[in-house]
Amino acid sequence: MADAGTAGGRRGRSLLVPAILTAIGLALIAGFVSLGVWQLHRRAWKLNLIATVNARLQAAPVAAPPTAGPGDVYRRVTARGTFRNDRETFVQAVTERGPGFWVLTPLVGPDFTVLVNRGFVPAERRAHHDRPAGPVRVTGLVRISEPGGAFLRSNDPKADRWYSRDVAAIAAARKLGPVAPYFIDADATSNPGGYPVGGLTVIAFRNSHLSYALTWFALAILTVVGLVILWRRGRDG
Protein backbone atom coordinates (compact mmCIF):
# COMPACT_ATOMS: atom_id res chain seq x y z
CA MET A 1 0.00 0.00 0.00
CA ALA A 2 2.84 2.35 0.86
CA ASP A 3 4.48 1.70 -2.47
CA ALA A 4 1.22 2.37 -4.28
CA GLY A 5 0.74 5.62 -2.35
CA THR A 6 4.27 6.74 -3.07
CA ALA A 7 3.87 5.96 -6.75
CA GLY A 8 0.60 7.88 -6.83
CA GLY A 9 2.25 10.88 -5.20
CA ARG A 10 5.07 10.84 -7.70
CA ARG A 11 2.60 10.55 -10.53
CA GLY A 12 0.65 13.50 -9.17
CA ARG A 13 3.76 15.62 -8.86
CA SER A 14 4.88 14.64 -12.35
CA LEU A 15 1.53 15.81 -13.74
CA LEU A 16 1.51 19.05 -11.73
CA VAL A 17 4.44 20.69 -13.52
CA PRO A 18 3.06 20.09 -17.06
CA ALA A 19 -0.31 21.34 -15.88
CA ILE A 20 1.19 24.56 -14.55
CA LEU A 21 3.25 25.05 -17.71
CA THR A 22 0.17 24.41 -19.83
CA ALA A 23 -1.82 27.02 -17.92
CA ILE A 24 0.99 29.54 -18.33
CA GLY A 25 1.29 28.71 -22.03
CA LEU A 26 -2.44 29.16 -22.63
CA ALA A 27 -2.34 32.51 -20.84
CA LEU A 28 0.61 33.59 -22.99
CA ILE A 29 -1.17 32.52 -26.17
CA ALA A 30 -4.26 34.50 -25.20
CA GLY A 31 -2.11 37.53 -24.39
CA PHE A 32 -0.10 37.35 -27.61
CA VAL A 33 -3.24 36.98 -29.75
CA SER A 34 -4.90 39.90 -27.95
CA LEU A 35 -1.86 42.09 -28.57
CA GLY A 36 -1.80 41.08 -32.23
CA VAL A 37 -5.49 41.91 -32.68
CA TRP A 38 -4.94 45.24 -30.89
CA GLN A 39 -2.13 46.10 -33.31
CA LEU A 40 -4.42 45.31 -36.25
CA HIS A 41 -6.99 47.71 -34.82
CA ARG A 42 -4.25 50.33 -34.40
CA ARG A 43 -3.20 49.77 -37.99
CA ALA A 44 -6.75 50.34 -39.22
CA TRP A 45 -6.94 53.53 -37.14
CA LYS A 46 -3.57 54.75 -38.48
CA LEU A 47 -4.54 54.06 -42.10
CA ASN A 48 -7.76 56.01 -41.59
CA LEU A 49 -5.79 58.88 -40.04
CA ILE A 50 -3.38 58.96 -42.98
CA ALA A 51 -6.27 58.95 -45.46
CA THR A 52 -8.00 61.76 -43.54
CA VAL A 53 -4.87 63.92 -43.45
CA ASN A 54 -4.17 63.32 -47.14
CA ALA A 55 -7.72 64.41 -47.94
CA ARG A 56 -7.23 67.59 -45.89
CA LEU A 57 -3.97 68.37 -47.67
CA GLN A 58 -5.63 68.05 -51.07
CA ALA A 59 -8.75 70.02 -50.15
CA ALA A 60 -9.22 73.70 -50.94
CA PRO A 61 -8.33 76.00 -48.04
CA VAL A 62 -11.12 77.27 -45.81
CA ALA A 63 -11.29 80.39 -43.67
CA ALA A 64 -9.17 80.04 -40.54
CA PRO A 65 -11.45 79.41 -37.54
CA PRO A 66 -11.16 81.26 -34.21
CA THR A 67 -10.47 77.94 -32.51
CA ALA A 68 -9.26 74.48 -33.54
CA GLY A 69 -8.49 71.14 -31.93
CA PRO A 70 -6.66 67.89 -32.71
CA GLY A 71 -9.37 67.01 -35.23
CA ASP A 72 -8.34 69.99 -37.34
CA VAL A 73 -4.61 69.24 -37.57
CA TYR A 74 -3.18 69.74 -41.07
CA ARG A 75 -6.39 71.31 -42.35
CA ARG A 76 -5.63 73.93 -45.04
CA VAL A 77 -6.81 77.38 -44.03
CA THR A 78 -6.54 80.97 -45.18
CA ALA A 79 -6.30 83.97 -42.89
CA ARG A 80 -6.26 87.70 -43.60
CA GLY A 81 -4.90 90.46 -41.43
CA THR A 82 -1.83 92.49 -40.58
CA PHE A 83 1.40 91.08 -39.16
CA ARG A 84 2.67 92.46 -35.86
CA ASN A 85 6.29 92.22 -36.89
CA ASP A 86 7.38 93.93 -33.68
CA ARG A 87 6.06 90.93 -31.73
CA GLU A 88 7.64 88.12 -33.75
CA THR A 89 9.21 85.16 -31.94
CA PHE A 90 12.09 82.96 -33.03
CA VAL A 91 11.80 79.27 -32.16
CA GLN A 92 14.84 77.07 -32.59
CA ALA A 93 14.46 74.58 -35.41
CA VAL A 94 16.34 71.88 -37.28
CA THR A 95 15.08 71.40 -40.82
CA GLU A 96 16.14 69.91 -44.14
CA ARG A 97 17.90 73.24 -44.68
CA GLY A 98 19.90 72.88 -41.49
CA PRO A 99 19.61 74.54 -38.06
CA GLY A 100 18.00 77.91 -37.58
CA PHE A 101 14.70 79.34 -36.41
CA TRP A 102 11.00 79.31 -37.11
CA VAL A 103 9.61 82.85 -37.37
CA LEU A 104 6.30 83.06 -35.50
CA THR A 105 4.45 86.32 -36.07
CA PRO A 106 1.01 87.38 -34.78
CA LEU A 107 -1.49 87.98 -37.57
CA VAL A 108 -4.15 90.43 -36.38
CA GLY A 109 -7.36 89.79 -38.28
CA PRO A 110 -10.75 91.49 -38.12
CA ASP A 111 -12.11 88.97 -35.62
CA PHE A 112 -9.15 87.35 -33.85
CA THR A 113 -5.38 87.09 -33.72
CA VAL A 114 -3.55 83.93 -34.73
CA LEU A 115 0.14 83.06 -34.64
CA VAL A 116 1.63 82.26 -38.04
CA ASN A 117 4.78 80.22 -38.45
CA ARG A 118 5.98 82.18 -41.47
CA GLY A 119 8.79 79.70 -42.09
CA PHE A 120 12.45 79.01 -41.53
CA VAL A 121 15.40 81.40 -41.35
CA PRO A 122 19.05 80.43 -40.74
CA ALA A 123 20.76 82.12 -37.81
CA GLU A 124 22.57 84.62 -40.05
CA ARG A 125 19.25 85.81 -41.53
CA ARG A 126 17.46 86.16 -38.21
CA ALA A 127 17.62 89.94 -38.34
CA HIS A 128 17.37 90.18 -42.13
CA HIS A 129 14.19 88.68 -43.54
CA ASP A 130 10.99 89.89 -45.11
CA ARG A 131 8.59 91.68 -42.74
CA PRO A 132 5.56 92.69 -44.78
CA ALA A 133 3.60 95.79 -43.78
CA GLY A 134 -0.09 96.26 -44.47
CA PRO A 135 -2.82 93.71 -45.11
CA VAL A 136 -1.71 90.19 -46.09
CA ARG A 137 -3.31 86.88 -46.93
CA VAL A 138 -1.75 83.72 -45.50
CA THR A 139 -2.50 80.15 -46.54
CA GLY A 140 -1.18 77.21 -44.56
CA LEU A 141 -1.88 74.28 -42.28
CA VAL A 142 -3.49 74.21 -38.86
CA ARG A 143 -1.02 73.06 -36.21
CA ILE A 144 -1.68 72.42 -32.53
CA SER A 145 0.24 74.30 -29.84
CA GLU A 146 3.41 72.64 -28.54
CA PRO A 147 3.41 73.48 -24.81
CA GLY A 148 6.41 73.21 -22.53
CA GLY A 149 9.35 72.95 -24.86
CA ALA A 150 11.31 70.28 -26.66
CA PHE A 151 12.99 67.09 -25.48
CA LEU A 152 15.29 67.93 -22.53
CA ARG A 153 14.88 71.66 -23.21
CA SER A 154 12.16 73.83 -21.71
CA ASN A 155 11.08 77.14 -23.13
CA ASP A 156 12.54 80.10 -21.24
CA PRO A 157 10.30 83.12 -21.95
CA LYS A 158 12.27 85.45 -19.66
CA ALA A 159 15.46 84.79 -21.62
CA ASP A 160 13.50 84.73 -24.90
CA ARG A 161 14.68 81.20 -25.66
CA TRP A 162 12.08 79.08 -27.40
CA TYR A 163 12.34 75.42 -28.34
CA SER A 164 8.72 74.70 -29.19
CA ARG A 165 5.82 76.62 -30.63
CA ASP A 166 3.86 77.12 -27.41
CA VAL A 167 1.02 79.41 -28.44
CA ALA A 168 -0.18 80.37 -24.95
CA ALA A 169 3.33 81.03 -23.61
CA ILE A 170 4.35 83.08 -26.64
CA ALA A 171 1.12 85.09 -26.49
CA ALA A 172 1.72 85.84 -22.81
CA ALA A 173 5.39 86.75 -23.32
CA ARG A 174 4.55 89.08 -26.22
CA LYS A 175 1.48 90.51 -24.47
CA LEU A 176 -0.78 89.67 -27.37
CA GLY A 177 -3.96 89.21 -25.39
CA PRO A 178 -6.44 86.55 -26.55
CA VAL A 179 -5.21 84.52 -29.52
CA ALA A 180 -6.43 81.45 -31.36
CA PRO A 181 -5.25 78.29 -29.55
CA TYR A 182 -3.37 77.02 -32.59
CA PHE A 183 -0.86 78.31 -35.11
CA ILE A 184 -0.68 78.22 -38.88
CA ASP A 185 2.26 76.75 -40.76
CA ALA A 186 2.55 79.00 -43.81
CA ASP A 187 2.76 77.30 -47.19
CA ALA A 188 5.64 77.53 -49.66
CA THR A 189 4.58 80.87 -51.15
CA SER A 190 7.88 82.69 -51.54
CA ASN A 191 8.69 85.81 -49.53
CA PRO A 192 10.69 88.76 -50.92
CA GLY A 193 14.37 88.06 -50.40
CA GLY A 194 13.72 84.32 -49.99
CA TYR A 195 13.20 84.33 -46.24
CA PRO A 196 11.40 83.08 -44.25
CA VAL A 197 11.04 79.79 -46.15
CA GLY A 198 7.57 78.32 -45.68
CA GLY A 199 6.13 74.99 -46.69
CA LEU A 200 8.56 72.92 -44.62
CA THR A 201 5.95 71.12 -42.56
CA VAL A 202 7.00 67.50 -42.09
CA ILE A 203 4.01 65.17 -42.31
CA ALA A 204 4.95 61.58 -41.56
CA PHE A 205 3.09 58.87 -39.70
CA ARG A 206 4.97 55.81 -38.53
CA ASN A 207 2.94 52.72 -39.36
CA SER A 208 4.64 49.54 -38.14
CA HIS A 209 1.50 48.02 -36.65
CA LEU A 210 1.32 45.14 -39.15
CA SER A 211 4.86 43.98 -38.36
CA TYR A 212 4.10 44.24 -34.65
CA ALA A 213 0.90 42.22 -35.10
CA LEU A 214 2.73 39.50 -37.04
CA THR A 215 5.36 39.36 -34.29
CA TRP A 216 2.72 38.80 -31.60
CA PHE A 217 0.94 36.16 -33.69
CA ALA A 218 4.27 34.42 -34.34
CA LEU A 219 4.95 34.30 -30.60
CA ALA A 220 1.51 32.78 -30.07
CA ILE A 221 2.26 30.09 -32.66
CA LEU A 222 5.64 29.33 -31.09
CA THR A 223 3.97 28.98 -27.72
CA VAL A 224 1.48 26.51 -29.21
CA VAL A 225 4.38 24.52 -30.66
CA GLY A 226 6.07 24.51 -27.27
CA LEU A 227 2.92 23.21 -25.60
CA VAL A 228 2.54 20.45 -28.18
CA ILE A 229 6.12 19.35 -27.54
CA LEU A 230 5.48 19.42 -23.80
CA TRP A 231 2.32 17.34 -24.10
CA ARG A 232 4.02 14.76 -26.34
CA ARG A 233 6.92 14.37 -23.93
CA GLY A 234 4.52 13.97 -21.05
CA ARG A 235 2.55 11.35 -22.93
CA ASP A 236 5.66 9.44 -23.97
CA GLY A 237 7.05 9.64 -20.44
C-alpha atoms as a PDB file:
ATOM      1  CA  MET A   1       0.000   0.000   0.000  1.00  0.00           C
ATOM      2  CA  ALA A   2       2.841   2.346   0.863  1.00  0.00           C
ATOM      3  CA  ASP A   3       4.481   1.698  -2.472  1.00  0.00           C
ATOM      4  CA  ALA A   4       1.217   2.374  -4.277  1.00  0.00           C
ATOM      5  CA  GLY A   5       0.741   5.616  -2.348  1.00  0.00           C
ATOM      6  CA  THR A   6       4.269   6.740  -3.065  1.00  0.00           C
ATOM      7  CA  ALA A   7       3.866   5.965  -6.747  1.00  0.00           C
ATOM      8  CA  GLY A   8       0.597   7.884  -6.830  1.00  0.00           C
ATOM      9  CA  GLY A   9       2.249  10.877  -5.203  1.00  0.00           C
ATOM     10  CA  ARG A  10       5.069  10.842  -7.702  1.00  0.00           C
ATOM     11  CA  ARG A  11       2.600  10.555 -10.530  1.00  0.00           C
ATOM     12  CA  GLY A  12       0.646  13.504  -9.167  1.00  0.00           C
ATOM     13  CA  ARG A  13       3.762  15.618  -8.857  1.00  0.00           C
ATOM     14  CA  SER A  14       4.882  14.637 -12.348  1.00  0.00           C
ATOM     15  CA  LEU A  15       1.535  15.806 -13.744  1.00  0.00           C
ATOM     16  CA  LEU A  16       1.511  19.048 -11.732  1.00  0.00           C
ATOM     17  CA  VAL A  17       4.439  20.690 -13.523  1.00  0.00           C
ATOM     18  CA  PRO A  18       3.059  20.093 -17.061  1.00  0.00           C
ATOM     19  CA  ALA A  19      -0.315  21.337 -15.877  1.00  0.00           C
ATOM     20  CA  ILE A  20       1.193  24.563 -14.546  1.00  0.00           C
ATOM     21  CA  LEU A  21       3.254  25.052 -17.710  1.00  0.00           C
ATOM     22  CA  THR A  22       0.166  24.413 -19.828  1.00  0.00           C
ATOM     23  CA  ALA A  23      -1.819  27.021 -17.922  1.00  0.00           C
ATOM     24  CA  ILE A  24       0.990  29.537 -18.329  1.00  0.00           C
ATOM     25  CA  GLY A  25       1.289  28.708 -22.028  1.00  0.00           C
ATOM     26  CA  LEU A  26      -2.438  29.163 -22.634  1.00  0.00           C
ATOM     27  CA  ALA A  27      -2.336  32.515 -20.839  1.00  0.00           C
ATOM     28  CA  LEU A  28       0.607  33.592 -22.995  1.00  0.00           C
ATOM     29  CA  ILE A  29      -1.173  32.524 -26.166  1.00  0.00           C
ATOM     30  CA  ALA A  30      -4.263  34.504 -25.204  1.00  0.00           C
ATOM     31  CA  GLY A  31      -2.111  37.530 -24.394  1.00  0.00           C
ATOM     32  CA  PHE A  32      -0.099  37.346 -27.612  1.00  0.00           C
ATOM     33  CA  VAL A  33      -3.242  36.976 -29.746  1.00  0.00           C
ATOM     34  CA  SER A  34      -4.901  39.897 -27.954  1.00  0.00           C
ATOM     35  CA  LEU A  35      -1.863  42.094 -28.572  1.00  0.00           C
ATOM     36  CA  GLY A  36      -1.801  41.077 -32.229  1.00  0.00           C
ATOM     37  CA  VAL A  37      -5.485  41.914 -32.680  1.00  0.00           C
ATOM     38  CA  TRP A  38      -4.945  45.241 -30.891  1.00  0.00           C
ATOM     39  CA  GLN A  39      -2.126  46.098 -33.313  1.00  0.00           C
ATOM     40  CA  LEU A  40      -4.418  45.315 -36.247  1.00  0.00           C
ATOM     41  CA  HIS A  41      -6.990  47.707 -34.821  1.00  0.00           C
ATOM     42  CA  ARG A  42      -4.248  50.334 -34.397  1.00  0.00           C
ATOM     43  CA  ARG A  43      -3.196  49.767 -37.995  1.00  0.00           C
ATOM     44  CA  ALA A  44      -6.749  50.344 -39.221  1.00  0.00           C
ATOM     45  CA  TRP A  45      -6.935  53.534 -37.142  1.00  0.00           C
ATOM     46  CA  LYS A  46      -3.570  54.749 -38.481  1.00  0.00           C
ATOM     47  CA  LEU A  47      -4.539  54.063 -42.098  1.00  0.00           C
ATOM     48  CA  ASN A  48      -7.761  56.008 -41.589  1.00  0.00           C
ATOM     49  CA  LEU A  49      -5.792  58.876 -40.044  1.00  0.00           C
ATOM     50  CA  ILE A  50      -3.380  58.956 -42.983  1.00  0.00           C
ATOM     51  CA  ALA A  51      -6.270  58.947 -45.459  1.00  0.00           C
ATOM     52  CA  THR A  52      -7.996  61.757 -43.539  1.00  0.00           C
ATOM     53  CA  VAL A  53      -4.870  63.918 -43.449  1.00  0.00           C
ATOM     54  CA  ASN A  54      -4.174  63.321 -47.145  1.00  0.00           C
ATOM     55  CA  ALA A  55      -7.722  64.414 -47.938  1.00  0.00           C
ATOM     56  CA  ARG A  56      -7.229  67.592 -45.892  1.00  0.00           C
ATOM     57  CA  LEU A  57      -3.968  68.367 -47.671  1.00  0.00           C
ATOM     58  CA  GLN A  58      -5.627  68.054 -51.069  1.00  0.00           C
ATOM     59  CA  ALA A  59      -8.748  70.022 -50.153  1.00  0.00           C
ATOM     60  CA  ALA A  60      -9.222  73.698 -50.944  1.00  0.00           C
ATOM     61  CA  PRO A  61      -8.330  75.996 -48.039  1.00  0.00           C
ATOM     62  CA  VAL A  62     -11.119  77.275 -45.806  1.00  0.00           C
ATOM     63  CA  ALA A  63     -11.289  80.392 -43.671  1.00  0.00           C
ATOM     64  CA  ALA A  64      -9.173  80.040 -40.536  1.00  0.00           C
ATOM     65  CA  PRO A  65     -11.454  79.411 -37.537  1.00  0.00           C
ATOM     66  CA  PRO A  66     -11.165  81.259 -34.215  1.00  0.00           C
ATOM     67  CA  THR A  67     -10.472  77.935 -32.505  1.00  0.00           C
ATOM     68  CA  ALA A  68      -9.263  74.481 -33.535  1.00  0.00           C
ATOM     69  CA  GLY A  69      -8.486  71.139 -31.933  1.00  0.00           C
ATOM     70  CA  PRO A  70      -6.661  67.886 -32.707  1.00  0.00           C
ATOM     71  CA  GLY A  71      -9.374  67.011 -35.235  1.00  0.00           C
ATOM     72  CA  ASP A  72      -8.340  69.988 -37.344  1.00  0.00           C
ATOM     73  CA  VAL A  73      -4.610  69.244 -37.568  1.00  0.00           C
ATOM     74  CA  TYR A  74      -3.178  69.744 -41.074  1.00  0.00           C
ATOM     75  CA  ARG A  75      -6.387  71.311 -42.348  1.00  0.00           C
ATOM     76  CA  ARG A  76      -5.631  73.931 -45.039  1.00  0.00           C
ATOM     77  CA  VAL A  77      -6.811  77.378 -44.027  1.00  0.00           C
ATOM     78  CA  THR A  78      -6.544  80.969 -45.183  1.00  0.00           C
ATOM     79  CA  ALA A  79      -6.300  83.974 -42.890  1.00  0.00           C
ATOM     80  CA  ARG A  80      -6.260  87.698 -43.598  1.00  0.00           C
ATOM     81  CA  GLY A  81      -4.900  90.460 -41.431  1.00  0.00           C
ATOM     82  CA  THR A  82      -1.833  92.490 -40.584  1.00  0.00           C
ATOM     83  CA  PHE A  83       1.398  91.082 -39.161  1.00  0.00           C
ATOM     84  CA  ARG A  84       2.666  92.457 -35.862  1.00  0.00           C
ATOM     85  CA  ASN A  85       6.293  92.221 -36.886  1.00  0.00           C
ATOM     86  CA  ASP A  86       7.378  93.933 -33.680  1.00  0.00           C
ATOM     87  CA  ARG A  87       6.060  90.933 -31.728  1.00  0.00           C
ATOM     88  CA  GLU A  88       7.637  88.121 -33.752  1.00  0.00           C
ATOM     89  CA  THR A  89       9.212  85.160 -31.942  1.00  0.00           C
ATOM     90  CA  PHE A  90      12.093  82.958 -33.027  1.00  0.00           C
ATOM     91  CA  VAL A  91      11.799  79.270 -32.163  1.00  0.00           C
ATOM     92  CA  GLN A  92      14.844  77.067 -32.593  1.00  0.00           C
ATOM     93  CA  ALA A  93      14.457  74.575 -35.410  1.00  0.00           C
ATOM     94  CA  VAL A  94      16.341  71.879 -37.280  1.00  0.00           C
ATOM     95  CA  THR A  95      15.085  71.402 -40.822  1.00  0.00           C
ATOM     96  CA  GLU A  96      16.136  69.906 -44.137  1.00  0.00           C
ATOM     97  CA  ARG A  97      17.899  73.244 -44.678  1.00  0.00           C
ATOM     98  CA  GLY A  98      19.896  72.882 -41.486  1.00  0.00           C
ATOM     99  CA  PRO A  99      19.605  74.537 -38.063  1.00  0.00           C
ATOM    100  CA  GLY A 100      17.998  77.911 -37.578  1.00  0.00           C
ATOM    101  CA  PHE A 101      14.697  79.342 -36.414  1.00  0.00           C
ATOM    102  CA  TRP A 102      11.002  79.312 -37.114  1.00  0.00           C
ATOM    103  CA  VAL A 103       9.611  82.845 -37.371  1.00  0.00           C
ATOM    104  CA  LEU A 104       6.305  83.061 -35.500  1.00  0.00           C
ATOM    105  CA  THR A 105       4.448  86.323 -36.070  1.00  0.00           C
ATOM    106  CA  PRO A 106       1.013  87.384 -34.782  1.00  0.00           C
ATOM    107  CA  LEU A 107      -1.485  87.977 -37.572  1.00  0.00           C
ATOM    108  CA  VAL A 108      -4.147  90.426 -36.379  1.00  0.00           C
ATOM    109  CA  GLY A 109      -7.364  89.790 -38.275  1.00  0.00           C
ATOM    110  CA  PRO A 110     -10.753  91.489 -38.116  1.00  0.00           C
ATOM    111  CA  ASP A 111     -12.108  88.965 -35.618  1.00  0.00           C
ATOM    112  CA  PHE A 112      -9.150  87.347 -33.855  1.00  0.00           C
ATOM    113  CA  THR A 113      -5.376  87.091 -33.717  1.00  0.00           C
ATOM    114  CA  VAL A 114      -3.545  83.925 -34.735  1.00  0.00           C
ATOM    115  CA  LEU A 115       0.143  83.065 -34.640  1.00  0.00           C
ATOM    116  CA  VAL A 116       1.626  82.258 -38.039  1.00  0.00           C
ATOM    117  CA  ASN A 117       4.778  80.218 -38.453  1.00  0.00           C
ATOM    118  CA  ARG A 118       5.979  82.175 -41.475  1.00  0.00           C
ATOM    119  CA  GLY A 119       8.793  79.698 -42.087  1.00  0.00           C
ATOM    120  CA  PHE A 120      12.449  79.012 -41.525  1.00  0.00           C
ATOM    121  CA  VAL A 121      15.403  81.395 -41.354  1.00  0.00           C
ATOM    122  CA  PRO A 122      19.050  80.431 -40.736  1.00  0.00           C
ATOM    123  CA  ALA A 123      20.760  82.118 -37.811  1.00  0.00           C
ATOM    124  CA  GLU A 124      22.568  84.615 -40.047  1.00  0.00           C
ATOM    125  CA  ARG A 125      19.251  85.806 -41.535  1.00  0.00           C
ATOM    126  CA  ARG A 126      17.457  86.157 -38.206  1.00  0.00           C
ATOM    127  CA  ALA A 127      17.621  89.940 -38.340  1.00  0.00           C
ATOM    128  CA  HIS A 128      17.374  90.183 -42.125  1.00  0.00           C
ATOM    129  CA  HIS A 129      14.191  88.681 -43.535  1.00  0.00           C
ATOM    130  CA  ASP A 130      10.991  89.890 -45.109  1.00  0.00           C
ATOM    131  CA  ARG A 131       8.594  91.680 -42.739  1.00  0.00           C
ATOM    132  CA  PRO A 132       5.555  92.692 -44.775  1.00  0.00           C
ATOM    133  CA  ALA A 133       3.595  95.791 -43.780  1.00  0.00           C
ATOM    134  CA  GLY A 134      -0.089  96.259 -44.468  1.00  0.00           C
ATOM    135  CA  PRO A 135      -2.819  93.705 -45.111  1.00  0.00           C
ATOM    136  CA  VAL A 136      -1.709  90.191 -46.089  1.00  0.00           C
ATOM    137  CA  ARG A 137      -3.308  86.875 -46.927  1.00  0.00           C
ATOM    138  CA  VAL A 138      -1.755  83.716 -45.497  1.00  0.00           C
ATOM    139  CA  THR A 139      -2.499  80.147 -46.538  1.00  0.00           C
ATOM    140  CA  GLY A 140      -1.175  77.210 -44.565  1.00  0.00           C
ATOM    141  CA  LEU A 141      -1.882  74.284 -42.279  1.00  0.00           C
ATOM    142  CA  VAL A 142      -3.485  74.207 -38.859  1.00  0.00           C
ATOM    143  CA  ARG A 143      -1.017  73.062 -36.207  1.00  0.00           C
ATOM    144  CA  ILE A 144      -1.683  72.423 -32.531  1.00  0.00           C
ATOM    145  CA  SER A 145       0.237  74.296 -29.841  1.00  0.00           C
ATOM    146  CA  GLU A 146       3.408  72.635 -28.540  1.00  0.00           C
ATOM    147  CA  PRO A 147       3.412  73.484 -24.815  1.00  0.00           C
ATOM    148  CA  GLY A 148       6.412  73.210 -22.528  1.00  0.00           C
ATOM    149  CA  GLY A 149       9.351  72.948 -24.856  1.00  0.00           C
ATOM    150  CA  ALA A 150      11.309  70.277 -26.659  1.00  0.00           C
ATOM    151  CA  PHE A 151      12.989  67.089 -25.477  1.00  0.00           C
ATOM    152  CA  LEU A 152      15.288  67.926 -22.531  1.00  0.00           C
ATOM    153  CA  ARG A 153      14.882  71.662 -23.211  1.00  0.00           C
ATOM    154  CA  SER A 154      12.161  73.825 -21.709  1.00  0.00           C
ATOM    155  CA  ASN A 155      11.075  77.137 -23.130  1.00  0.00           C
ATOM    156  CA  ASP A 156      12.538  80.098 -21.244  1.00  0.00           C
ATOM    157  CA  PRO A 157      10.301  83.120 -21.949  1.00  0.00           C
ATOM    158  CA  LYS A 158      12.273  85.450 -19.658  1.00  0.00           C
ATOM    159  CA  ALA A 159      15.458  84.790 -21.615  1.00  0.00           C
ATOM    160  CA  ASP A 160      13.499  84.728 -24.900  1.00  0.00           C
ATOM    161  CA  ARG A 161      14.676  81.198 -25.663  1.00  0.00           C
ATOM    162  CA  TRP A 162      12.079  79.075 -27.404  1.00  0.00           C
ATOM    163  CA  TYR A 163      12.343  75.420 -28.343  1.00  0.00           C
ATOM    164  CA  SER A 164       8.716  74.699 -29.188  1.00  0.00           C
ATOM    165  CA  ARG A 165       5.816  76.623 -30.634  1.00  0.00           C
ATOM    166  CA  ASP A 166       3.859  77.116 -27.413  1.00  0.00           C
ATOM    167  CA  VAL A 167       1.018  79.407 -28.443  1.00  0.00           C
ATOM    168  CA  ALA A 168      -0.183  80.371 -24.952  1.00  0.00           C
ATOM    169  CA  ALA A 169       3.326  81.026 -23.609  1.00  0.00           C
ATOM    170  CA  ILE A 170       4.346  83.083 -26.640  1.00  0.00           C
ATOM    171  CA  ALA A 171       1.118  85.089 -26.490  1.00  0.00           C
ATOM    172  CA  ALA A 172       1.720  85.838 -22.808  1.00  0.00           C
ATOM    173  CA  ALA A 173       5.391  86.748 -23.320  1.00  0.00           C
ATOM    174  CA  ARG A 174       4.552  89.079 -26.220  1.00  0.00           C
ATOM    175  CA  LYS A 175       1.481  90.509 -24.465  1.00  0.00           C
ATOM    176  CA  LEU A 176      -0.782  89.672 -27.373  1.00  0.00           C
ATOM    177  CA  GLY A 177      -3.957  89.214 -25.388  1.00  0.00           C
ATOM    178  CA  PRO A 178      -6.439  86.547 -26.549  1.00  0.00           C
ATOM    179  CA  VAL A 179      -5.209  84.518 -29.518  1.00  0.00           C
ATOM    180  CA  ALA A 180      -6.425  81.454 -31.363  1.00  0.00           C
ATOM    181  CA  PRO A 181      -5.252  78.291 -29.546  1.00  0.00           C
ATOM    182  CA  TYR A 182      -3.368  77.017 -32.586  1.00  0.00           C
ATOM    183  CA  PHE A 183      -0.857  78.306 -35.106  1.00  0.00           C
ATOM    184  CA  ILE A 184      -0.685  78.223 -38.881  1.00  0.00           C
ATOM    185  CA  ASP A 185       2.259  76.747 -40.756  1.00  0.00           C
ATOM    186  CA  ALA A 186       2.553  79.002 -43.807  1.00  0.00           C
ATOM    187  CA  ASP A 187       2.756  77.302 -47.194  1.00  0.00           C
ATOM    188  CA  ALA A 188       5.644  77.527 -49.657  1.00  0.00           C
ATOM    189  CA  THR A 189       4.577  80.868 -51.153  1.00  0.00           C
ATOM    190  CA  SER A 190       7.883  82.693 -51.536  1.00  0.00           C
ATOM    191  CA  ASN A 191       8.692  85.806 -49.535  1.00  0.00           C
ATOM    192  CA  PRO A 192      10.690  88.761 -50.921  1.00  0.00           C
ATOM    193  CA  GLY A 193      14.366  88.057 -50.405  1.00  0.00           C
ATOM    194  CA  GLY A 194      13.719  84.324 -49.991  1.00  0.00           C
ATOM    195  CA  TYR A 195      13.204  84.330 -46.237  1.00  0.00           C
ATOM    196  CA  PRO A 196      11.403  83.084 -44.248  1.00  0.00           C
ATOM    197  CA  VAL A 197      11.036  79.790 -46.146  1.00  0.00           C
ATOM    198  CA  GLY A 198       7.574  78.321 -45.683  1.00  0.00           C
ATOM    199  CA  GLY A 199       6.128  74.990 -46.688  1.00  0.00           C
ATOM    200  CA  LEU A 200       8.560  72.925 -44.624  1.00  0.00           C
ATOM    201  CA  THR A 201       5.948  71.117 -42.557  1.00  0.00           C
ATOM    202  CA  VAL A 202       7.001  67.495 -42.092  1.00  0.00           C
ATOM    203  CA  ILE A 203       4.013  65.172 -42.311  1.00  0.00           C
ATOM    204  CA  ALA A 204       4.949  61.582 -41.559  1.00  0.00           C
ATOM    205  CA  PHE A 205       3.092  58.865 -39.702  1.00  0.00           C
ATOM    206  CA  ARG A 206       4.968  55.812 -38.527  1.00  0.00           C
ATOM    207  CA  ASN A 207       2.943  52.720 -39.356  1.00  0.00           C
ATOM    208  CA  SER A 208       4.638  49.537 -38.141  1.00  0.00           C
ATOM    209  CA  HIS A 209       1.504  48.019 -36.653  1.00  0.00           C
ATOM    210  CA  LEU A 210       1.318  45.138 -39.149  1.00  0.00           C
ATOM    211  CA  SER A 211       4.856  43.979 -38.358  1.00  0.00           C
ATOM    212  CA  TYR A 212       4.104  44.240 -34.645  1.00  0.00           C
ATOM    213  CA  ALA A 213       0.902  42.217 -35.100  1.00  0.00           C
ATOM    214  CA  LEU A 214       2.727  39.499 -37.043  1.00  0.00           C
ATOM    215  CA  THR A 215       5.356  39.359 -34.293  1.00  0.00           C
ATOM    216  CA  TRP A 216       2.723  38.802 -31.597  1.00  0.00           C
ATOM    217  CA  PHE A 217       0.936  36.156 -33.685  1.00  0.00           C
ATOM    218  CA  ALA A 218       4.270  34.416 -34.341  1.00  0.00           C
ATOM    219  CA  LEU A 219       4.952  34.301 -30.597  1.00  0.00           C
ATOM    220  CA  ALA A 220       1.508  32.785 -30.068  1.00  0.00           C
ATOM    221  CA  ILE A 221       2.260  30.088 -32.661  1.00  0.00           C
ATOM    222  CA  LEU A 222       5.642  29.330 -31.095  1.00  0.00           C
ATOM    223  CA  THR A 223       3.974  28.978 -27.722  1.00  0.00           C
ATOM    224  CA  VAL A 224       1.476  26.510 -29.211  1.00  0.00           C
ATOM    225  CA  VAL A 225       4.376  24.524 -30.664  1.00  0.00           C
ATOM    226  CA  GLY A 226       6.066  24.512 -27.266  1.00  0.00           C
ATOM    227  CA  LEU A 227       2.923  23.211 -25.595  1.00  0.00           C
ATOM    228  CA  VAL A 228       2.542  20.447 -28.181  1.00  0.00           C
ATOM    229  CA  ILE A 229       6.122  19.348 -27.541  1.00  0.00           C
ATOM    230  CA  LEU A 230       5.477  19.418 -23.799  1.00  0.00           C
ATOM    231  CA  TRP A 231       2.321  17.340 -24.103  1.00  0.00           C
ATOM    232  CA  ARG A 232       4.023  14.763 -26.337  1.00  0.00           C
ATOM    233  CA  ARG A 233       6.919  14.372 -23.931  1.00  0.00           C
ATOM    234  CA  GLY A 234       4.520  13.974 -21.053  1.00  0.00           C
ATOM    235  CA  ARG A 235       2.549  11.350 -22.929  1.00  0.00           C
ATOM    236  CA  ASP A 236       5.664   9.441 -23.968  1.00  0.00           C
ATOM    237  CA  GLY A 237       7.047   9.645 -20.435  1.00  0.00           C
END
